[in-house]
Amino acid sequence: MGLAACDDDKIALGHLDFLSLAERERRRASAHIVRRAPYIDRASSRFGVIRHGSRAKPLSTMICGNFTLSRPLFGSVLELLPPVLLLKPTTDGGWLEAILRRMVNESALERPGQRVALSRLTEVLFVEVLRSWISSLSPGQGGCLGAISDPHIGPALKLIHESPERPWTLSDLGRRVGLGRSVFSARFTKLVGQSMQRYVIERRMAEAAFVLETSDESIARIANRVGYETAAAFSKLFHRYHGQSPGRYRAARRSNSGERQGDVQEAAVAD
């Protein structure tokens, strides 16, 4: 498959092209399509199937969707991506055609499990976009995503993600991935874009935020879970990164989650 980051205002899409847009670009593109294309037929308002052309014989068919990511760590990963990515099928792109056709067919007829099937197919497409983008990067590009493919830093990132609570040191991680302390430190900072110590803290804060949102564990227990002996030390650092104390963060996120759930229920009733 072929992948390219696009900077042009106008992008020519061909047969079976897959376009990934950041939120700000998606809003701009949606406004442009509605304004410039009067012969738009939204075949399904729920699943975003759009046909351009006459109703009798559409010139083209597009299927659109979006991702909403609630886990803070994954949101920061998406910020590393270019605002516009274009994936074009190549000689080995049979899987892309198969998935896109399956998505169009799945969205055409309402039946049990339709939303789940479309969600999973979309996730597979997005994973392939990430894989393609990572493989196209030069050393030092893409932050932690680009560093995943490095034979030394990739395994180090895996260790940090698997056990963020451990008291990781440069010497310890470097030894585990076959590098000396100073070489590992310089290589990590160059490829990831920040020091190992800072990355560990960010990973801990992201994990803590996720647990706060999705569980009723006490602040002290969460602090211990992500590597801090006291709730006070954890709370101080958490406030520095998220702008709120752990307790206020949990309350605010749950309040927002309840509002979103209400919106979904209202939309379901409207359908």
Protein backbone atom coordinates (compact mmCIF):
# COMPACT_ATOMS: atom_id res chain seq x y z
CA MET A 1 0.00 0.00 0.00
CA GLY A 2 1.07 3.60 -0.49
CA LEU A 3 0.82 6.21 2.25
CA ALA A 4 1.41 9.93 2.06
CA ALA A 5 0.99 12.93 4.36
CA CYS A 6 -0.88 15.63 2.43
CA ASP A 7 -0.35 19.39 2.73
CA ASP A 8 -2.37 20.51 -0.31
CA ASP A 9 -5.74 22.23 0.05
CA LYS A 10 -7.13 19.99 -2.69
CA ILE A 11 -6.73 16.21 -2.55
CA ALA A 12 -7.68 14.01 -5.50
CA LEU A 13 -9.22 10.76 -4.27
CA GLY A 14 -9.22 7.69 -6.49
CA HIS A 15 -10.85 4.28 -6.43
CA LEU A 16 -10.55 2.64 -2.96
CA ASP A 17 -8.45 5.46 -1.47
CA PHE A 18 -8.65 5.79 2.31
CA LEU A 19 -8.30 9.26 3.86
CA SER A 20 -7.60 9.90 7.54
CA LEU A 21 -8.27 13.40 8.86
CA ALA A 22 -7.51 15.01 12.21
CA GLU A 23 -10.52 16.64 13.90
CA ARG A 24 -9.74 20.18 12.71
CA GLU A 25 -9.27 18.97 9.13
CA ARG A 26 -12.43 16.85 9.27
CA ARG A 27 -14.55 19.88 10.15
CA ARG A 28 -13.01 21.91 7.34
CA ALA A 29 -13.49 19.11 4.81
CA SER A 30 -17.12 18.55 5.81
CA ALA A 31 -17.93 22.23 5.33
CA HIS A 32 -16.17 22.23 1.94
CA ILE A 33 -18.06 19.16 0.68
CA VAL A 34 -21.45 20.52 1.68
CA ARG A 35 -20.76 23.93 0.12
CA ARG A 36 -19.23 22.76 -3.18
CA ALA A 37 -21.13 19.56 -3.96
CA PRO A 38 -24.86 20.18 -4.51
CA TYR A 39 -25.61 16.63 -5.72
CA ILE A 40 -24.86 14.93 -2.42
CA ASP A 41 -27.10 12.08 -1.31
CA ARG A 42 -26.60 11.00 2.29
CA ALA A 43 -27.86 7.45 1.97
CA SER A 44 -27.51 6.77 5.70
CA SER A 45 -27.29 9.53 8.26
CA ARG A 46 -26.28 6.99 10.90
CA PHE A 47 -23.34 5.43 9.09
CA GLY A 48 -22.12 8.25 6.85
CA VAL A 49 -22.57 6.68 3.41
CA ILE A 50 -22.43 9.54 0.90
CA ARG A 51 -23.08 9.33 -2.84
CA HIS A 52 -22.09 12.14 -5.16
CA GLY A 53 -23.85 12.48 -8.50
CA SER A 54 -27.36 11.81 -9.71
CA ARG A 55 -29.58 9.47 -7.70
CA ALA A 56 -29.97 7.17 -10.68
CA LYS A 57 -26.25 6.74 -11.29
CA PRO A 58 -23.91 8.09 -8.58
CA LEU A 59 -20.47 9.20 -9.74
CA SER A 60 -18.85 8.09 -6.51
CA THR A 61 -19.64 6.58 -3.13
CA MET A 62 -17.89 7.45 0.13
CA ILE A 63 -18.25 5.90 3.55
CA CYS A 64 -17.28 8.15 6.45
CA GLY A 65 -16.69 7.59 10.14
CA ASN A 66 -14.81 8.95 13.12
CA PHE A 67 -12.95 7.87 16.26
CA THR A 68 -13.61 9.16 19.76
CA LEU A 69 -10.80 8.17 22.11
CA SER A 70 -11.38 8.42 25.84
CA ARG A 71 -8.06 7.13 27.16
CA PRO A 72 -5.66 10.11 27.53
CA LEU A 73 -2.56 8.22 26.38
CA PHE A 74 -4.14 7.29 23.05
CA GLY A 75 -5.30 10.85 22.50
CA SER A 76 -1.72 12.09 22.84
CA VAL A 77 -0.58 9.43 20.36
CA LEU A 78 -3.02 10.72 17.75
CA GLU A 79 -1.55 14.20 18.12
CA LEU A 80 1.68 12.82 16.63
CA LEU A 81 -0.04 12.00 13.34
CA PRO A 82 -0.07 14.44 10.41
CA PRO A 83 -3.43 16.22 10.05
CA VAL A 84 -4.10 14.45 6.72
CA LEU A 85 -3.01 10.95 5.70
CA LEU A 86 -3.89 9.34 2.38
CA LEU A 87 -3.71 5.57 2.00
CA LYS A 88 -3.70 4.26 -1.57
CA PRO A 89 -4.07 0.58 -2.49
CA THR A 90 -1.13 -1.04 -4.27
CA THR A 91 -0.52 -4.51 -5.64
CA ASP A 92 -0.77 -5.99 -2.14
CA GLY A 93 -3.85 -3.97 -1.26
CA GLY A 94 -6.50 -6.65 -1.79
CA TRP A 95 -7.35 -6.53 1.90
CA LEU A 96 -8.19 -2.81 1.62
CA GLU A 97 -10.71 -3.37 -1.15
CA ALA A 98 -12.24 -6.30 0.72
CA ILE A 99 -12.71 -4.30 3.93
CA LEU A 100 -14.07 -1.19 2.20
CA ARG A 101 -16.56 -3.22 0.18
CA ARG A 102 -17.60 -5.08 3.32
CA MET A 103 -18.17 -1.77 5.10
CA VAL A 104 -20.37 -0.47 2.28
CA ASN A 105 -22.38 -3.72 2.20
CA GLU A 106 -22.67 -3.80 6.00
CA SER A 107 -24.00 -0.26 6.15
CA ALA A 108 -26.57 -0.84 3.39
CA LEU A 109 -28.88 -3.08 5.41
CA GLU A 110 -29.73 -2.74 9.09
CA ARG A 111 -29.38 -5.98 11.04
CA PRO A 112 -28.24 -7.22 14.48
CA GLY A 113 -24.59 -6.48 15.28
CA GLN A 114 -24.26 -3.89 12.51
CA ARG A 115 -22.70 -1.19 14.67
CA VAL A 116 -20.22 -3.60 16.24
CA ALA A 117 -19.18 -4.98 12.83
CA LEU A 118 -18.66 -1.51 11.34
CA SER A 119 -16.75 -0.36 14.41
CA ARG A 120 -14.33 -3.29 14.20
CA LEU A 121 -13.80 -2.90 10.46
CA THR A 122 -13.01 0.78 10.97
CA GLU A 123 -10.53 -0.08 13.71
CA VAL A 124 -8.72 -2.50 11.38
CA LEU A 125 -8.44 0.24 8.74
CA PHE A 126 -7.04 2.69 11.26
CA VAL A 127 -4.49 0.18 12.59
CA GLU A 128 -3.26 -0.37 9.03
CA VAL A 129 -2.90 3.39 8.57
CA LEU A 130 -0.80 3.58 11.75
CA ARG A 131 1.36 0.66 10.63
CA SER A 132 1.92 2.18 7.20
CA TRP A 133 2.75 5.60 8.63
CA ILE A 134 5.21 4.16 11.17
CA SER A 135 6.99 2.13 8.48
CA SER A 136 7.36 5.26 6.32
CA LEU A 137 9.09 7.30 9.04
CA SER A 138 12.76 8.16 9.10
CA PRO A 139 14.74 7.79 12.37
CA GLY A 140 13.77 10.52 14.82
CA GLN A 141 10.34 11.14 13.27
CA GLY A 142 6.98 10.35 14.82
CA GLY A 143 7.87 10.52 18.50
CA CYS A 144 7.10 7.35 20.47
CA LEU A 145 5.22 5.85 17.51
CA GLY A 146 8.26 6.10 15.29
CA ALA A 147 10.51 4.81 18.07
CA ILE A 148 8.51 1.57 18.36
CA SER A 149 10.38 0.09 15.40
CA ASP A 150 13.83 0.84 16.85
CA PRO A 151 15.53 -2.40 18.02
CA HIS A 152 16.55 -0.85 21.35
CA ILE A 153 14.02 1.86 22.16
CA GLY A 154 11.03 -0.18 20.98
CA PRO A 155 11.60 -2.90 23.61
CA ALA A 156 12.26 -0.20 26.24
CA LEU A 157 8.90 1.42 25.49
CA LYS A 158 7.23 -1.98 25.77
CA LEU A 159 8.75 -2.51 29.21
CA ILE A 160 7.60 0.93 30.39
CA HIS A 161 4.06 0.38 29.12
CA GLU A 162 3.82 -3.07 30.68
CA SER A 163 5.03 -1.91 34.11
CA PRO A 164 4.84 1.89 34.47
CA GLU A 165 4.86 1.55 38.26
CA ARG A 166 8.41 0.18 38.39
CA PRO A 167 11.17 2.56 39.53
CA TRP A 168 12.82 2.58 36.11
CA THR A 169 16.31 4.04 35.78
CA LEU A 170 18.41 4.73 32.71
CA SER A 171 20.92 2.09 33.76
CA ASP A 172 18.24 -0.55 34.32
CA LEU A 173 16.39 -0.01 31.05
CA GLY A 174 19.59 0.43 29.08
CA ARG A 175 20.95 -2.86 30.39
CA ARG A 176 17.74 -4.67 29.51
CA VAL A 177 17.85 -3.50 25.88
CA GLY A 178 21.61 -3.88 25.40
CA LEU A 179 22.82 -0.28 25.69
CA GLY A 180 24.95 1.63 28.14
CA ARG A 181 23.34 4.32 30.29
CA SER A 182 24.52 7.40 28.38
CA VAL A 183 23.97 5.90 24.92
CA PHE A 184 20.49 4.71 25.88
CA SER A 185 19.59 8.11 27.34
CA ALA A 186 20.69 10.00 24.23
CA ARG A 187 19.01 7.55 21.86
CA PHE A 188 15.73 7.56 23.80
CA THR A 189 15.54 11.35 23.88
CA LYS A 190 16.41 11.65 20.18
CA LEU A 191 13.83 9.13 18.97
CA VAL A 192 10.97 9.71 21.41
CA GLY A 193 11.39 13.47 21.67
CA GLN A 194 11.65 13.60 25.47
CA SER A 195 13.73 12.06 28.24
CA MET A 196 13.03 8.58 29.56
CA GLN A 197 12.17 9.94 33.02
CA ARG A 198 9.59 12.36 31.62
CA TYR A 199 8.08 9.67 29.42
CA VAL A 200 7.67 7.33 32.41
CA ILE A 201 5.88 10.05 34.37
CA GLU A 202 3.54 10.82 31.47
CA ARG A 203 2.77 7.13 31.09
CA ARG A 204 1.97 6.89 34.80
CA MET A 205 -0.26 9.95 34.69
CA ALA A 206 -2.14 8.60 31.67
CA GLU A 207 -2.66 5.24 33.38
CA ALA A 208 -3.83 6.95 36.56
CA ALA A 209 -6.29 9.10 34.63
CA PHE A 210 -7.75 6.03 32.95
CA VAL A 211 -8.17 4.17 36.27
CA LEU A 212 -9.79 7.22 37.85
CA GLU A 213 -12.35 7.35 35.05
CA THR A 214 -13.13 3.65 34.91
CA SER A 215 -12.97 2.41 38.51
CA ASP A 216 -13.89 3.26 42.10
CA GLU A 217 -10.41 2.57 43.46
CA SER A 218 -9.21 4.94 46.17
CA ILE A 219 -6.70 7.66 45.37
CA ALA A 220 -4.14 5.99 47.64
CA ARG A 221 -4.53 2.66 45.86
CA ILE A 222 -4.20 4.26 42.43
CA ALA A 223 -1.10 6.13 43.60
CA ASN A 224 0.50 2.85 44.64
CA ARG A 225 -0.64 1.20 41.42
CA VAL A 226 1.27 3.69 39.28
CA GLY A 227 4.42 3.76 41.39
CA TYR A 228 3.98 6.33 44.18
CA GLU A 229 4.29 5.52 47.89
CA THR A 230 2.02 8.35 49.10
CA ALA A 231 -1.23 9.78 47.80
CA ALA A 232 0.09 13.30 48.50
CA ALA A 233 3.08 12.95 46.16
CA PHE A 234 0.90 11.38 43.49
CA SER A 235 -1.83 14.03 43.76
CA LYS A 236 0.67 16.87 43.47
CA LEU A 237 2.17 15.45 40.28
CA PHE A 238 -1.24 14.55 38.85
CA HIS A 239 -2.45 18.13 39.34
CA ARG A 240 0.65 19.41 37.55
CA TYR A 241 -0.09 17.26 34.49
CA HIS A 242 -3.88 17.38 34.33
CA GLY A 243 -4.67 20.73 35.96
CA GLN A 244 -6.95 19.12 38.55
CA SER A 245 -6.66 17.02 41.67
CA PRO A 246 -7.39 13.32 41.14
CA GLY A 247 -10.74 13.64 42.92
CA ARG A 248 -11.91 16.60 40.85
CA TYR A 249 -10.66 14.94 37.66
CA ARG A 250 -12.71 11.82 38.40
CA ALA A 251 -15.85 13.80 39.17
CA ALA A 252 -15.53 15.98 36.07
CA ARG A 253 -14.91 13.04 33.73
CA ARG A 254 -17.81 11.04 35.10
CA SER A 255 -20.08 14.05 34.75
CA ASN A 256 -19.03 14.47 31.10
CA SER A 257 -19.45 10.73 30.49
CA GLY A 258 -23.00 10.87 31.86
CA GLU A 259 -23.87 13.75 29.53
CA ARG A 260 -22.49 11.87 26.50
CA GLN A 261 -24.47 8.77 27.45
CA GLY A 262 -27.62 10.85 27.65
CA ASP A 263 -26.95 12.28 24.19
CA VAL A 264 -26.52 8.78 22.75
CA GLN A 265 -29.79 7.60 24.32
CA GLU A 266 -31.64 10.62 22.94
CA ALA A 267 -30.24 9.97 19.47
CA ALA A 268 -31.30 6.33 19.67
CA VAL A 269 -34.85 7.35 20.57
CA ALA A 270 -34.87 9.85 17.70
CA ASP A 271 -33.82 7.12 15.24
